[in-house]
Every structure is written in C-alpha cells, then in structure tokens.
Amino acid sequence: MGQQLAFTDLSICQFLLDGRLLHAGPHAWADLLGQRVRVVHMVRPRITAERLLKYAGRGFWPDAQSVRTVFRAVRRR
C-alpha cells in the first residue's frame, strides 16, 4: 500500500482504497482540505508541471518549494 502511494507525484493524489480502508499519504489530507498541492515524488518533470497547472486551475495552489523544484527540473532538460 505505502509503496503505491510513494510513487504518486502530487500530495493530493496520494489516496488509495484497498476495498475496505482508505489510505492516504503523509500530506494528502492536509493538502486536500487546505487546497494546497505539493510535489512528493517527481519522475517526469514536464508531466508533473502540467499536473500542477491542472490542479491550480481547480483551485489547488502549489507550495513555493514544489514550484522551484519543478521549474529547475524542467529548465535543465
């Protein structure tokens, strides 16, 4: 369960239902309720950047560290 959550790039997407229980990543609930999003595991920077923009359009604002991390990674490519 935890391994599957660890591979999700954004905090608000770290939810998993195992058929009985709802599991969440360490920042998932706080970020969902606070309408925040942070990068927790970035493998493909361009896709993560697109997803940050998508969720920003839905009212979830990225934290400053996530923006810096994604921007630097995309700029390097």
PDB file of N, CA and C in Angstrom:
ATOM      1  N   MET A   1       0.817  -1.184   0.000  1.00  0.00           N
ATOM      2  CA  MET A   1       0.000   0.000   0.000  1.00  0.00           C
ATOM      3  C   MET A   1       0.866   1.255   0.000  1.00  0.00           C
ATOM      4  N   GLY A   2       1.756   1.376   0.968  1.00  0.00           N
ATOM      5  CA  GLY A   2       2.620   2.550   1.074  1.00  0.00           C
ATOM      6  C   GLY A   2       3.499   2.739  -0.135  1.00  0.00           C
ATOM      7  N   GLN A   3       3.908   1.626  -0.733  1.00  0.00           N
ATOM      8  CA  GLN A   3       4.768   1.711  -1.918  1.00  0.00           C
ATOM      9  C   GLN A   3       3.997   2.328  -3.089  1.00  0.00           C
ATOM     10  N   GLN A   4       2.735   1.975  -3.251  1.00  0.00           N
ATOM     11  CA  GLN A   4       1.924   2.550  -4.317  1.00  0.00           C
ATOM     12  C   GLN A   4       1.723   4.047  -4.097  1.00  0.00           C
ATOM     13  N   LEU A   5       1.499   4.453  -2.870  1.00  0.00           N
ATOM     14  CA  LEU A   5       1.333   5.875  -2.563  1.00  0.00           C
ATOM     15  C   LEU A   5       2.628   6.641  -2.803  1.00  0.00           C
ATOM     16  N   ALA A   6       3.749   6.004  -2.536  1.00  0.00           N
ATOM     17  CA  ALA A   6       5.045   6.670  -2.678  1.00  0.00           C
ATOM     18  C   ALA A   6       5.360   7.023  -4.123  1.00  0.00           C
ATOM     19  N   PHE A   7       4.759   6.352  -5.083  1.00  0.00           N
ATOM     20  CA  PHE A   7       5.056   6.624  -6.488  1.00  0.00           C
ATOM     21  C   PHE A   7       4.141   7.666  -7.111  1.00  0.00           C
ATOM     22  N   THR A   8       3.254   8.260  -6.342  1.00  0.00           N
ATOM     23  CA  THR A   8       2.361   9.302  -6.838  1.00  0.00           C
ATOM     24  C   THR A   8       3.089  10.634  -6.739  1.00  0.00           C
ATOM     25  N   ASP A   9       3.044  11.422  -7.801  1.00  0.00           N
ATOM     26  CA  ASP A   9       3.839  12.652  -7.830  1.00  0.00           C
ATOM     27  C   ASP A   9       3.295  13.784  -6.968  1.00  0.00           C
ATOM     28  N   LEU A  10       1.990  13.889  -6.794  1.00  0.00           N
ATOM     29  CA  LEU A  10       1.404  15.005  -6.066  1.00  0.00           C
ATOM     30  C   LEU A  10       0.702  14.552  -4.787  1.00  0.00           C
ATOM     31  N   SER A  11       0.807  15.372  -3.755  1.00  0.00           N
ATOM     32  CA  SER A  11       0.257  15.018  -2.443  1.00  0.00           C
ATOM     33  C   SER A  11      -1.244  14.762  -2.471  1.00  0.00           C
ATOM     34  N   ILE A  12      -2.003  15.564  -3.210  1.00  0.00           N
ATOM     35  CA  ILE A  12      -3.461  15.421  -3.196  1.00  0.00           C
ATOM     36  C   ILE A  12      -3.938  14.207  -3.993  1.00  0.00           C
ATOM     37  N   CYS A  13      -3.014  13.523  -4.636  1.00  0.00           N
ATOM     38  CA  CYS A  13      -3.360  12.302  -5.378  1.00  0.00           C
ATOM     39  C   CYS A  13      -2.948  11.055  -4.610  1.00  0.00           C
ATOM     40  N   GLN A  14      -2.446  11.226  -3.421  1.00  0.00           N
ATOM     41  CA  GLN A  14      -1.975  10.095  -2.630  1.00  0.00           C
ATOM     42  C   GLN A  14      -3.080   9.502  -1.763  1.00  0.00           C
ATOM     43  N   PHE A  15      -4.098   9.016  -2.409  1.00  0.00           N
ATOM     44  CA  PHE A  15      -5.181   8.300  -1.737  1.00  0.00           C
ATOM     45  C   PHE A  15      -5.332   6.945  -2.404  1.00  0.00           C
ATOM     46  N   LEU A  16      -5.615   5.929  -1.609  1.00  0.00           N
ATOM     47  CA  LEU A  16      -5.749   4.584  -2.136  1.00  0.00           C
ATOM     48  C   LEU A  16      -6.802   3.834  -1.326  1.00  0.00           C
ATOM     49  N   LEU A  17      -7.756   3.247  -2.006  1.00  0.00           N
ATOM     50  CA  LEU A  17      -8.796   2.452  -1.370  1.00  0.00           C
ATOM     51  C   LEU A  17      -8.477   0.985  -1.624  1.00  0.00           C
ATOM     52  N   ASP A  18      -8.338   0.217  -0.562  1.00  0.00           N
ATOM     53  CA  ASP A  18      -7.989  -1.195  -0.720  1.00  0.00           C
ATOM     54  C   ASP A  18      -9.219  -2.108  -0.711  1.00  0.00           C
ATOM     55  N   GLY A  19     -10.382  -1.519  -0.840  1.00  0.00           N
ATOM     56  CA  GLY A  19     -11.614  -2.293  -0.801  1.00  0.00           C
ATOM     57  C   GLY A  19     -12.289  -2.228   0.555  1.00  0.00           C
ATOM     58  N   ARG A  20     -11.536  -1.836   1.547  1.00  0.00           N
ATOM     59  CA  ARG A  20     -12.065  -1.745   2.896  1.00  0.00           C
ATOM     60  C   ARG A  20     -11.677  -0.428   3.570  1.00  0.00           C
ATOM     61  N   LEU A  21     -10.420  -0.051   3.438  1.00  0.00           N
ATOM     62  CA  LEU A  21      -9.906   1.139   4.106  1.00  0.00           C
ATOM     63  C   LEU A  21      -9.383   2.152   3.090  1.00  0.00           C
ATOM     64  N   LEU A  22      -9.458   3.412   3.453  1.00  0.00           N
ATOM     65  CA  LEU A  22      -8.883   4.483   2.656  1.00  0.00           C
ATOM     66  C   LEU A  22      -7.532   4.835   3.255  1.00  0.00           C
ATOM     67  N   HIS A  23      -6.494   4.730   2.450  1.00  0.00           N
ATOM     68  CA  HIS A  23      -5.137   5.051   2.888  1.00  0.00           C
ATOM     69  C   HIS A  23      -4.737   6.370   2.240  1.00  0.00           C
ATOM     70  N   ALA A  24      -3.930   7.157   2.954  1.00  0.00           N
ATOM     71  CA  ALA A  24      -3.507   8.457   2.437  1.00  0.00           C
ATOM     72  C   ALA A  24      -2.032   8.678   2.728  1.00  0.00           C
ATOM     73  N   GLY A  25      -1.403   9.442   1.841  1.00  0.00           N
ATOM     74  CA  GLY A  25      -0.004   9.810   2.036  1.00  0.00           C
ATOM     75  C   GLY A  25       0.121  10.788   3.201  1.00  0.00           C
ATOM     76  N   PRO A  26       1.346  11.082   3.621  1.00  0.00           N
ATOM     77  CA  PRO A  26       1.566  11.907   4.811  1.00  0.00           C
ATOM     78  C   PRO A  26       0.979  13.318   4.755  1.00  0.00           C
ATOM     79  N   HIS A  27       0.901  13.922   3.578  1.00  0.00           N
ATOM     80  CA  HIS A  27       0.376  15.284   3.466  1.00  0.00           C
ATOM     81  C   HIS A  27      -0.972  15.338   2.741  1.00  0.00           C
ATOM     82  N   ALA A  28      -1.495  14.206   2.353  1.00  0.00           N
ATOM     83  CA  ALA A  28      -2.667  14.155   1.479  1.00  0.00           C
ATOM     84  C   ALA A  28      -3.887  14.878   2.070  1.00  0.00           C
ATOM     85  N   TRP A  29      -4.263  14.551   3.285  1.00  0.00           N
ATOM     86  CA  TRP A  29      -5.464  15.158   3.872  1.00  0.00           C
ATOM     87  C   TRP A  29      -5.280  16.648   4.118  1.00  0.00           C
ATOM     88  N   ALA A  30      -4.152  17.027   4.697  1.00  0.00           N
ATOM     89  CA  ALA A  30      -3.907  18.446   4.996  1.00  0.00           C
ATOM     90  C   ALA A  30      -3.915  19.275   3.712  1.00  0.00           C
ATOM     91  N   ASP A  31      -3.282  18.754   2.663  1.00  0.00           N
ATOM     92  CA  ASP A  31      -3.236  19.491   1.407  1.00  0.00           C
ATOM     93  C   ASP A  31      -4.597  19.521   0.721  1.00  0.00           C
ATOM     94  N   LEU A  32      -5.317  18.425   0.758  1.00  0.00           N
ATOM     95  CA  LEU A  32      -6.648  18.393   0.143  1.00  0.00           C
ATOM     96  C   LEU A  32      -7.581  19.402   0.826  1.00  0.00           C
ATOM     97  N   LEU A  33      -7.613  19.379   2.139  1.00  0.00           N
ATOM     98  CA  LEU A  33      -8.501  20.277   2.880  1.00  0.00           C
ATOM     99  C   LEU A  33      -8.041  21.729   2.822  1.00  0.00           C
ATOM    100  N   GLY A  34      -6.731  21.940   2.690  1.00  0.00           N
ATOM    101  CA  GLY A  34      -6.193  23.298   2.606  1.00  0.00           C
ATOM    102  C   GLY A  34      -6.083  23.815   1.186  1.00  0.00           C
ATOM    103  N   GLN A  35      -6.557  23.026   0.230  1.00  0.00           N
ATOM    104  CA  GLN A  35      -6.490  23.354  -1.198  1.00  0.00           C
ATOM    105  C   GLN A  35      -5.071  23.726  -1.619  1.00  0.00           C
ATOM    106  N   ARG A  36      -4.143  22.888  -1.181  1.00  0.00           N
ATOM    107  CA  ARG A  36      -2.725  23.027  -1.472  1.00  0.00           C
ATOM    108  C   ARG A  36      -2.299  21.783  -2.221  1.00  0.00           C
ATOM    109  N   VAL A  37      -1.230  21.867  -2.961  1.00  0.00           N
ATOM    110  CA  VAL A  37      -0.662  20.683  -3.599  1.00  0.00           C
ATOM    111  C   VAL A  37       0.853  20.809  -3.528  1.00  0.00           C
ATOM    112  N   ARG A  38       1.495  19.704  -3.263  1.00  0.00           N
ATOM    113  CA  ARG A  38       2.966  19.706  -3.237  1.00  0.00           C
ATOM    114  C   ARG A  38       3.486  18.494  -3.995  1.00  0.00           C
ATOM    115  N   VAL A  39       4.662  18.643  -4.538  1.00  0.00           N
ATOM    116  CA  VAL A  39       5.315  17.545  -5.249  1.00  0.00           C
ATOM    117  C   VAL A  39       5.964  16.655  -4.205  1.00  0.00           C
ATOM    118  N   VAL A  40       5.654  15.367  -4.264  1.00  0.00           N
ATOM    119  CA  VAL A  40       6.240  14.429  -3.305  1.00  0.00           C
ATOM    120  C   VAL A  40       7.142  13.396  -3.977  1.00  0.00           C
ATOM    121  N   HIS A  41       6.933  13.151  -5.266  1.00  0.00           N
ATOM    122  CA  HIS A  41       7.768  12.180  -5.984  1.00  0.00           C
ATOM    123  C   HIS A  41       7.704  12.511  -7.479  1.00  0.00           C
ATOM    124  N   MET A  42       8.732  13.176  -7.970  1.00  0.00           N
ATOM    125  CA  MET A  42       8.717  13.602  -9.369  1.00  0.00           C
ATOM    126  C   MET A  42       9.662  12.738 -10.189  1.00  0.00           C
ATOM    127  N   VAL A  43       9.105  12.097 -11.205  1.00  0.00           N
ATOM    128  CA  VAL A  43       9.906  11.287 -12.114  1.00  0.00           C
ATOM    129  C   VAL A  43      10.001  11.982 -13.471  1.00  0.00           C
ATOM    130  N   ARG A  44       8.876  12.515 -13.922  1.00  0.00           N
ATOM    131  CA  ARG A  44       8.829  13.194 -15.225  1.00  0.00           C
ATOM    132  C   ARG A  44       8.426  14.650 -14.990  1.00  0.00           C
ATOM    133  N   PRO A  45       9.423  15.543 -14.903  1.00  0.00           N
ATOM    134  CA  PRO A  45       9.165  16.937 -14.544  1.00  0.00           C
ATOM    135  C   PRO A  45       8.119  17.637 -15.420  1.00  0.00           C
ATOM    136  N   ARG A  46       8.149  17.432 -16.715  1.00  0.00           N
ATOM    137  CA  ARG A  46       7.205  18.126 -17.593  1.00  0.00           C
ATOM    138  C   ARG A  46       5.766  17.695 -17.285  1.00  0.00           C
ATOM    139  N   ILE A  47       5.564  16.413 -17.067  1.00  0.00           N
ATOM    140  CA  ILE A  47       4.216  15.920 -16.736  1.00  0.00           C
ATOM    141  C   ILE A  47       3.777  16.442 -15.371  1.00  0.00           C
ATOM    142  N   THR A  48       4.687  16.454 -14.412  1.00  0.00           N
ATOM    143  CA  THR A  48       4.358  16.994 -13.092  1.00  0.00           C
ATOM    144  C   THR A  48       3.999  18.471 -13.198  1.00  0.00           C
ATOM    145  N   ALA A  49       4.727  19.224 -14.027  1.00  0.00           N
ATOM    146  CA  ALA A  49       4.416  20.647 -14.230  1.00  0.00           C
ATOM    147  C   ALA A  49       3.011  20.805 -14.809  1.00  0.00           C
ATOM    148  N   GLU A  50       2.667  19.989 -15.787  1.00  0.00           N
ATOM    149  CA  GLU A  50       1.331  20.043 -16.381  1.00  0.00           C
ATOM    150  C   GLU A  50       0.253  19.717 -15.350  1.00  0.00           C
ATOM    151  N   ARG A  51       0.546  18.737 -14.501  1.00  0.00           N
ATOM    152  CA  ARG A  51      -0.424  18.353 -13.472  1.00  0.00           C
ATOM    153  C   ARG A  51      -0.582  19.453 -12.410  1.00  0.00           C
ATOM    154  N   LEU A  52       0.521  20.132 -12.061  1.00  0.00           N
ATOM    155  CA  LEU A  52       0.418  21.257 -11.124  1.00  0.00           C
ATOM    156  C   LEU A  52      -0.492  22.343 -11.698  1.00  0.00           C
ATOM    157  N   LEU A  53      -0.337  22.634 -12.987  1.00  0.00           N
ATOM    158  CA  LEU A  53      -1.185  23.634 -13.637  1.00  0.00           C
ATOM    159  C   LEU A  53      -2.644  23.177 -13.655  1.00  0.00           C
ATOM    160  N   LYS A  54      -2.849  21.910 -13.936  1.00  0.00           N
ATOM    161  CA  LYS A  54      -4.214  21.367 -13.959  1.00  0.00           C
ATOM    162  C   LYS A  54      -4.899  21.546 -12.602  1.00  0.00           C
ATOM    163  N   TYR A  55      -4.188  21.188 -11.534  1.00  0.00           N
ATOM    164  CA  TYR A  55      -4.795  21.311 -10.205  1.00  0.00           C
ATOM    165  C   TYR A  55      -4.892  22.756  -9.749  1.00  0.00           C
ATOM    166  N   ALA A  56      -3.989  23.619 -10.207  1.00  0.00           N
ATOM    167  CA  ALA A  56      -4.113  25.046  -9.902  1.00  0.00           C
ATOM    168  C   ALA A  56      -5.403  25.585 -10.515  1.00  0.00           C
ATOM    169  N   GLY A  57      -5.730  25.113 -11.705  1.00  0.00           N
ATOM    170  CA  GLY A  57      -6.978  25.509 -12.345  1.00  0.00           C
ATOM    171  C   GLY A  57      -8.203  25.028 -11.591  1.00  0.00           C
ATOM    172  N   ARG A  58      -8.020  24.047 -10.756  1.00  0.00           N
ATOM    173  CA  ARG A  58      -9.116  23.511  -9.935  1.00  0.00           C
ATOM    174  C   ARG A  58      -9.095  24.084  -8.521  1.00  0.00           C
ATOM    175  N   GLY A  59      -8.228  25.068  -8.295  1.00  0.00           N
ATOM    176  CA  GLY A  59      -8.203  25.750  -7.001  1.00  0.00           C
ATOM    177  C   GLY A  59      -7.188  25.237  -6.000  1.00  0.00           C
ATOM    178  N   PHE A  60      -6.284  24.351  -6.403  1.00  0.00           N
ATOM    179  CA  PHE A  60      -5.245  23.825  -5.513  1.00  0.00           C
ATOM    180  C   PHE A  60      -3.925  24.502  -5.860  1.00  0.00           C
ATOM    181  N   TRP A  61      -3.378  25.264  -4.926  1.00  0.00           N
ATOM    182  CA  TRP A  61      -2.178  26.036  -5.212  1.00  0.00           C
ATOM    183  C   TRP A  61      -0.934  25.332  -4.709  1.00  0.00           C
ATOM    184  N   PRO A  62       0.089  25.251  -5.565  1.00  0.00           N
ATOM    185  CA  PRO A  62       1.330  24.574  -5.170  1.00  0.00           C
ATOM    186  C   PRO A  62       2.126  25.402  -4.170  1.00  0.00           C
ATOM    187  N   ASP A  63       2.822  24.709  -3.291  1.00  0.00           N
ATOM    188  CA  ASP A  63       3.704  25.403  -2.363  1.00  0.00           C
ATOM    189  C   ASP A  63       4.946  25.880  -3.126  1.00  0.00           C
ATOM    190  N   ALA A  64       5.612  26.874  -2.582  1.00  0.00           N
ATOM    191  CA  ALA A  64       6.750  27.508  -3.264  1.00  0.00           C
ATOM    192  C   ALA A  64       7.874  26.515  -3.556  1.00  0.00           C
ATOM    193  N   GLN A  65       8.154  25.622  -2.635  1.00  0.00           N
ATOM    194  CA  GLN A  65       9.232  24.649  -2.847  1.00  0.00           C
ATOM    195  C   GLN A  65       8.921  23.746  -4.034  1.00  0.00           C
ATOM    196  N   SER A  66       7.678  23.334  -4.182  1.00  0.00           N
ATOM    197  CA  SER A  66       7.292  22.489  -5.317  1.00  0.00           C
ATOM    198  C   SER A  66       7.470  23.224  -6.637  1.00  0.00           C
ATOM    199  N   VAL A  67       7.086  24.481  -6.670  1.00  0.00           N
ATOM    200  CA  VAL A  67       7.245  25.278  -7.893  1.00  0.00           C
ATOM    201  C   VAL A  67       8.723  25.378  -8.258  1.00  0.00           C
ATOM    202  N   ARG A  68       9.574  25.676  -7.288  1.00  0.00           N
ATOM    203  CA  ARG A  68      11.021  25.765  -7.548  1.00  0.00           C
ATOM    204  C   ARG A  68      11.575  24.443  -8.048  1.00  0.00           C
ATOM    205  N   THR A  69      11.205  23.359  -7.390  1.00  0.00           N
ATOM    206  CA  THR A  69      11.706  22.039  -7.760  1.00  0.00           C
ATOM    207  C   THR A  69      11.335  21.681  -9.194  1.00  0.00           C
ATOM    208  N   VAL A  70      10.090  21.878  -9.545  1.00  0.00           N
ATOM    209  CA  VAL A  70       9.622  21.537 -10.897  1.00  0.00           C
ATOM    210  C   VAL A  70      10.249  22.468 -11.929  1.00  0.00           C
ATOM    211  N   PHE A  71      10.286  23.758 -11.641  1.00  0.00           N
ATOM    212  CA  PHE A  71      10.851  24.724 -12.579  1.00  0.00           C
ATOM    213  C   PHE A  71      12.308  24.398 -12.879  1.00  0.00           C
ATOM    214  N   ARG A  72      13.088  24.119 -11.860  1.00  0.00           N
ATOM    215  CA  ARG A  72      14.512  23.793 -12.062  1.00  0.00           C
ATOM    216  C   ARG A  72      14.680  22.513 -12.864  1.00  0.00           C
ATOM    217  N   ALA A  73      13.852  21.524 -12.594  1.00  0.00           N
ATOM    218  CA  ALA A  73      13.960  20.248 -13.307  1.00  0.00           C
ATOM    219  C   ALA A  73      13.576  20.395 -14.783  1.00  0.00           C
ATOM    220  N   VAL A  74      12.545  21.166 -15.063  1.00  0.00           N
ATOM    221  CA  VAL A  74      12.116  21.377 -16.444  1.00  0.00           C
ATOM    222  C   VAL A  74      13.146  22.217 -17.183  1.00  0.00           C
ATOM    223  N   ARG A  75      13.690  23.205 -16.537  1.00  0.00           N
ATOM    224  CA  ARG A  75      14.676  24.092 -17.154  1.00  0.00           C
ATOM    225  C   ARG A  75      15.946  23.336 -17.547  1.00  0.00           C
ATOM    226  N   ARG A  76      16.328  22.346 -16.761  1.00  0.00           N
ATOM    227  CA  ARG A  76      17.534  21.553 -17.040  1.00  0.00           C
ATOM    228  C   ARG A  76      17.413  20.716 -18.300  1.00  0.00           C
ATOM    229  N   ARG A  77      16.214  20.376 -18.692  1.00  0.00           N
ATOM    230  CA  ARG A  77      16.017  19.472 -19.844  1.00  0.00           C
ATOM    231  C   ARG A  77      16.060  20.179 -21.132  1.00  0.00           C
TER     232      ARG A  77
END
